[in-house]
Amino acid sequence: MIIHIVGAGPKSNTITEITQKDENQILIGVDNGAHYLIEEGLIPEAIFGDFDSLSNENLEKIKGLVPNVFIYPPEKDETDLELAIQWAIKQKPEEIFIHCVTGKRLDHEFGSITLLIKFMNSGVPIKIVDEYNEIYVILQGTHFISKLQHFKYVSFFSLGANVVNLTLKGFKYPLTNHLLEIGSSLCVSNELLESEGSISFSEGIALVVRSKD
C-alpha cells in the first residue's frame, strides 16, 4: 500500500498522476490539500488541519465526503503535516509520498524536510515530491538508485553529522570512502551514467535530492 499526503502549499502537477482507481493507495489531505484532491475528483481517506485556509462551504462539502476528519486548533505543538505523517505511518504502508509542500514559504518547506529526519527510523520510506524534485533521507549502509530521465541530477547533503566513507558507484563523479562534511557542496548536481548506481556510507545521515531544470 502507498500513501499520498497532499499539503497546503502551491498545487503541484504531481497530484494529477494519482488515480482514485488504484486500490493499493490511501490519499490524505492536509488543510487546503484536501481541497486540491477534491478538485481533481479524488476523495481522501483522511484530512488533517485547522482548515483556516478553506471557506466554511468547502469545509462542509469535504467533511461530507471524507471518512476520517481530524480538525485541530491553529495553536498546537505539531504541524498539520506532522500529524498526518504520524497517522499515515500507523497504517503501515510500503511508502509515503508528500506533495504540495515546496515552492512558497521557506519555513514550511524546511520544516517539511526536517520531518523526513524525524521519521527516518519509522521503517517507512518517505519522499517529498514536486514537478522538479524528489527529496528523501537515507541512513548508513548501501542503497541502490535507478537512472530516471525526468530527474537528471542527483545531489547528496550531510545532515546532522558528517557522512563517513561515502562511496558513489555508477555516477559521473564517483567517490570512494569520502568524508562528506556538513555544508559541503561537493556532491551537488551529480549524474548517473549507468542504469543503476549505488550509494554507501558507514556513518551519518544523507539527504538525497533528485531534480531537473
Protein backbone atom coordinates (compact mmCIF):
# COMPACT_ATOMS: atom_id res chain seq x y z
CA MET A 1 0.00 0.00 0.00
CA ILE A 2 1.17 3.51 -0.92
CA ILE A 3 0.05 6.65 0.90
CA HIS A 4 -0.05 10.07 -0.79
CA ILE A 5 -0.19 13.09 1.51
CA VAL A 6 -1.16 16.37 -0.16
CA GLY A 7 -0.15 19.53 1.68
CA ALA A 8 -1.45 23.08 1.53
CA GLY A 9 1.45 24.65 -0.34
CA PRO A 10 1.40 25.60 -4.03
CA LYS A 11 -0.53 22.99 -6.01
CA SER A 12 1.79 20.51 -7.70
CA ASN A 13 1.17 18.76 -11.01
CA THR A 14 2.19 15.51 -9.32
CA ILE A 15 -1.37 15.28 -7.96
CA THR A 16 -2.65 14.60 -11.47
CA GLU A 17 -0.60 11.38 -11.52
CA ILE A 18 -2.60 9.99 -8.59
CA THR A 19 -5.59 7.87 -9.53
CA GLN A 20 -8.61 7.01 -7.40
CA LYS A 21 -8.88 3.64 -9.13
CA ASP A 22 -5.70 2.34 -7.51
CA GLU A 23 -6.95 0.25 -4.58
CA ASN A 24 -3.40 -0.09 -3.28
CA GLN A 25 -3.20 3.51 -2.06
CA ILE A 26 -4.57 5.89 0.56
CA LEU A 27 -4.97 9.63 -0.02
CA ILE A 28 -4.60 12.17 2.79
CA GLY A 29 -5.32 15.89 2.59
CA VAL A 30 -3.62 18.42 4.86
CA ASP A 31 -5.64 21.62 5.26
CA ASN A 32 -6.11 23.11 1.77
CA GLY A 33 -4.54 19.96 0.32
CA ALA A 34 -7.90 18.31 0.92
CA HIS A 35 -9.47 20.83 -1.46
CA TYR A 36 -6.75 20.15 -4.05
CA LEU A 37 -7.68 16.46 -4.03
CA ILE A 38 -11.40 17.16 -4.31
CA GLU A 39 -10.72 19.49 -7.27
CA GLU A 40 -9.05 16.56 -9.04
CA GLY A 41 -12.02 14.30 -8.32
CA LEU A 42 -10.07 12.36 -5.70
CA ILE A 43 -11.62 11.53 -2.33
CA PRO A 44 -9.12 11.41 0.57
CA GLU A 45 -9.38 8.74 3.23
CA ALA A 46 -8.43 11.27 5.91
CA ILE A 47 -7.90 15.03 6.27
CA PHE A 48 -5.92 16.95 8.88
CA GLY A 49 -5.74 20.62 9.80
CA ASP A 50 -7.30 23.72 11.29
CA PHE A 51 -8.68 24.43 7.79
CA ASP A 52 -8.39 28.21 8.22
CA SER A 53 -7.49 28.43 4.52
CA LEU A 54 -10.81 26.86 3.47
CA SER A 55 -14.20 28.53 3.28
CA ASN A 56 -16.90 27.07 5.54
CA GLU A 57 -18.75 25.95 2.42
CA ASN A 58 -15.78 23.99 1.08
CA LEU A 59 -15.01 22.52 4.51
CA GLU A 60 -18.57 21.24 4.98
CA LYS A 61 -18.52 19.75 1.48
CA ILE A 62 -15.26 17.93 2.19
CA LYS A 63 -16.42 16.69 5.60
CA GLY A 64 -19.43 15.10 3.89
CA LEU A 65 -17.15 13.10 1.58
CA VAL A 66 -14.21 12.08 3.78
CA PRO A 67 -14.38 9.13 6.21
CA ASN A 68 -11.78 10.44 8.70
CA VAL A 69 -11.76 14.15 9.60
CA PHE A 70 -9.22 15.46 12.13
CA ILE A 71 -9.69 19.15 12.97
CA TYR A 72 -7.15 20.86 15.24
CA PRO A 73 -6.77 24.37 16.67
CA PRO A 74 -4.13 26.59 14.99
CA GLU A 75 -2.15 26.71 18.26
CA LYS A 76 -0.58 23.28 18.75
CA ASP A 77 2.83 21.67 19.14
CA GLU A 78 2.87 19.78 15.82
CA THR A 79 2.18 20.99 12.30
CA ASP A 80 -0.80 19.54 10.44
CA LEU A 81 1.64 17.73 8.16
CA GLU A 82 3.42 16.07 11.08
CA LEU A 83 0.10 14.83 12.47
CA ALA A 84 -0.82 13.46 9.04
CA ILE A 85 2.52 11.63 8.75
CA GLN A 86 2.08 10.11 12.21
CA TRP A 87 -1.34 8.76 11.19
CA ALA A 88 -0.01 7.55 7.84
CA ILE A 89 2.84 5.58 9.43
CA LYS A 90 0.34 3.78 11.69
CA GLN A 91 -1.36 2.43 8.55
CA LYS A 92 1.89 0.51 7.83
CA PRO A 93 2.30 1.50 4.17
CA GLU A 94 5.15 0.43 1.93
CA GLU A 95 5.97 4.06 1.10
CA ILE A 96 4.70 7.60 1.70
CA PHE A 97 4.80 10.41 -0.88
CA ILE A 98 4.26 14.01 0.23
CA HIS A 99 3.00 16.52 -2.35
CA CYS A 100 2.45 20.30 -2.31
CA VAL A 101 4.84 21.27 0.49
CA THR A 102 7.50 23.09 -1.57
CA GLY A 103 7.78 26.25 -3.64
CA LYS A 104 6.41 29.04 -1.47
CA ARG A 105 7.06 29.59 2.25
CA LEU A 106 10.62 28.55 3.02
CA ASP A 107 9.89 27.92 6.71
CA HIS A 108 7.16 25.45 5.80
CA GLU A 109 9.35 23.83 3.16
CA PHE A 110 12.32 23.47 5.52
CA GLY A 111 10.02 22.20 8.27
CA SER A 112 8.70 19.53 5.90
CA ILE A 113 12.23 18.40 5.05
CA THR A 114 13.17 18.15 8.73
CA LEU A 115 10.19 15.82 9.23
CA LEU A 116 11.96 13.38 6.90
CA ILE A 117 14.72 13.26 9.52
CA LYS A 118 12.30 12.92 12.44
CA PHE A 119 10.60 9.89 10.91
CA MET A 120 13.67 8.33 9.29
CA ASN A 121 13.59 5.41 11.75
CA SER A 122 9.88 4.70 11.22
CA GLY A 123 10.59 1.81 8.87
CA VAL A 124 8.57 3.53 6.12
CA PRO A 125 10.36 5.29 3.21
CA ILE A 126 9.05 8.87 2.95
CA LYS A 127 9.63 11.17 -0.04
CA ILE A 128 8.73 14.78 -0.77
CA VAL A 129 7.89 15.21 -4.46
CA ASP A 130 7.04 18.05 -6.82
CA GLU A 131 7.42 18.67 -10.56
CA TYR A 132 11.14 19.34 -10.25
CA ASN A 133 12.35 17.39 -7.22
CA GLU A 134 12.24 14.18 -5.25
CA ILE A 135 13.67 14.50 -1.72
CA TYR A 136 14.37 11.80 0.85
CA VAL A 137 16.74 10.77 3.64
CA ILE A 138 18.96 7.66 3.78
CA LEU A 139 20.90 6.13 6.66
CA GLN A 140 24.18 4.25 6.75
CA GLY A 141 24.50 1.18 4.57
CA THR A 142 24.26 0.54 0.84
CA HIS A 143 21.45 1.98 -1.27
CA PHE A 144 20.74 1.49 -4.97
CA ILE A 145 19.35 4.23 -7.18
CA SER A 146 17.93 3.85 -10.68
CA LYS A 147 18.53 6.30 -13.51
CA LEU A 148 15.44 8.37 -14.29
CA GLN A 149 15.06 10.50 -17.41
CA HIS A 150 12.84 13.04 -15.65
CA PHE A 151 15.31 13.57 -12.76
CA LYS A 152 18.72 14.07 -14.36
CA TYR A 153 20.57 15.35 -11.31
CA VAL A 154 21.27 13.63 -8.01
CA SER A 155 22.67 15.62 -5.07
CA PHE A 156 23.76 14.49 -1.62
CA PHE A 157 23.99 16.55 1.56
CA SER A 158 25.18 15.70 5.04
CA LEU A 159 22.58 16.20 7.78
CA GLY A 160 23.26 16.48 11.50
CA ALA A 161 26.71 14.87 11.33
CA ASN A 162 29.35 14.18 8.70
CA VAL A 163 28.69 11.33 6.27
CA VAL A 164 31.64 8.98 6.64
CA ASN A 165 33.15 6.77 3.92
CA LEU A 166 30.75 7.96 1.23
CA THR A 167 31.18 5.81 -1.87
CA LEU A 168 29.33 6.51 -5.13
CA LYS A 169 29.40 4.00 -7.99
CA GLY A 170 27.83 4.38 -11.43
CA PHE A 171 27.91 8.18 -11.22
CA LYS A 172 29.56 10.80 -13.43
CA TYR A 173 31.53 11.90 -10.39
CA PRO A 174 32.30 8.76 -8.36
CA LEU A 175 33.67 8.80 -4.83
CA THR A 176 35.44 6.28 -2.64
CA ASN A 177 35.42 6.47 1.14
CA HIS A 178 34.93 10.23 1.13
CA LEU A 179 34.14 12.30 4.23
CA LEU A 180 31.16 14.47 3.28
CA GLU A 181 31.14 17.27 5.82
CA ILE A 182 28.17 19.42 6.78
CA GLY A 183 27.97 22.38 4.40
CA SER A 184 29.99 20.71 1.65
CA SER A 185 28.76 21.38 -1.90
CA LEU A 186 30.94 18.67 -3.47
CA CYS A 187 28.01 16.34 -4.15
CA VAL A 188 25.66 18.87 -5.76
CA SER A 189 24.33 18.02 -9.25
CA ASN A 190 25.91 14.64 -9.81
CA GLU A 191 24.52 12.41 -12.58
CA LEU A 192 24.03 8.69 -13.09
CA LEU A 193 25.95 7.24 -16.03
CA GLU A 194 24.64 3.70 -15.70
CA SER A 195 21.09 2.39 -15.39
CA GLU A 196 21.68 1.89 -11.68
CA GLY A 197 24.14 3.35 -9.23
CA SER A 198 24.96 2.69 -5.60
CA ILE A 199 25.46 4.90 -2.56
CA SER A 200 27.11 3.60 0.58
CA PHE A 201 28.47 5.11 3.79
CA SER A 202 29.29 3.88 7.29
CA GLU A 203 28.11 6.78 9.48
CA GLY A 204 25.81 9.79 9.27
CA ILE A 205 22.57 10.82 7.61
CA ALA A 206 22.37 11.84 3.94
CA LEU A 207 19.70 13.97 2.26
CA VAL A 208 19.16 12.88 -1.35
CA VAL A 209 17.70 15.37 -3.85
CA ARG A 210 16.83 14.15 -7.35
CA SER A 211 16.00 17.09 -9.61
CA LYS A 212 15.66 18.54 -13.07
CA ASP A 213 15.86 22.04 -14.58
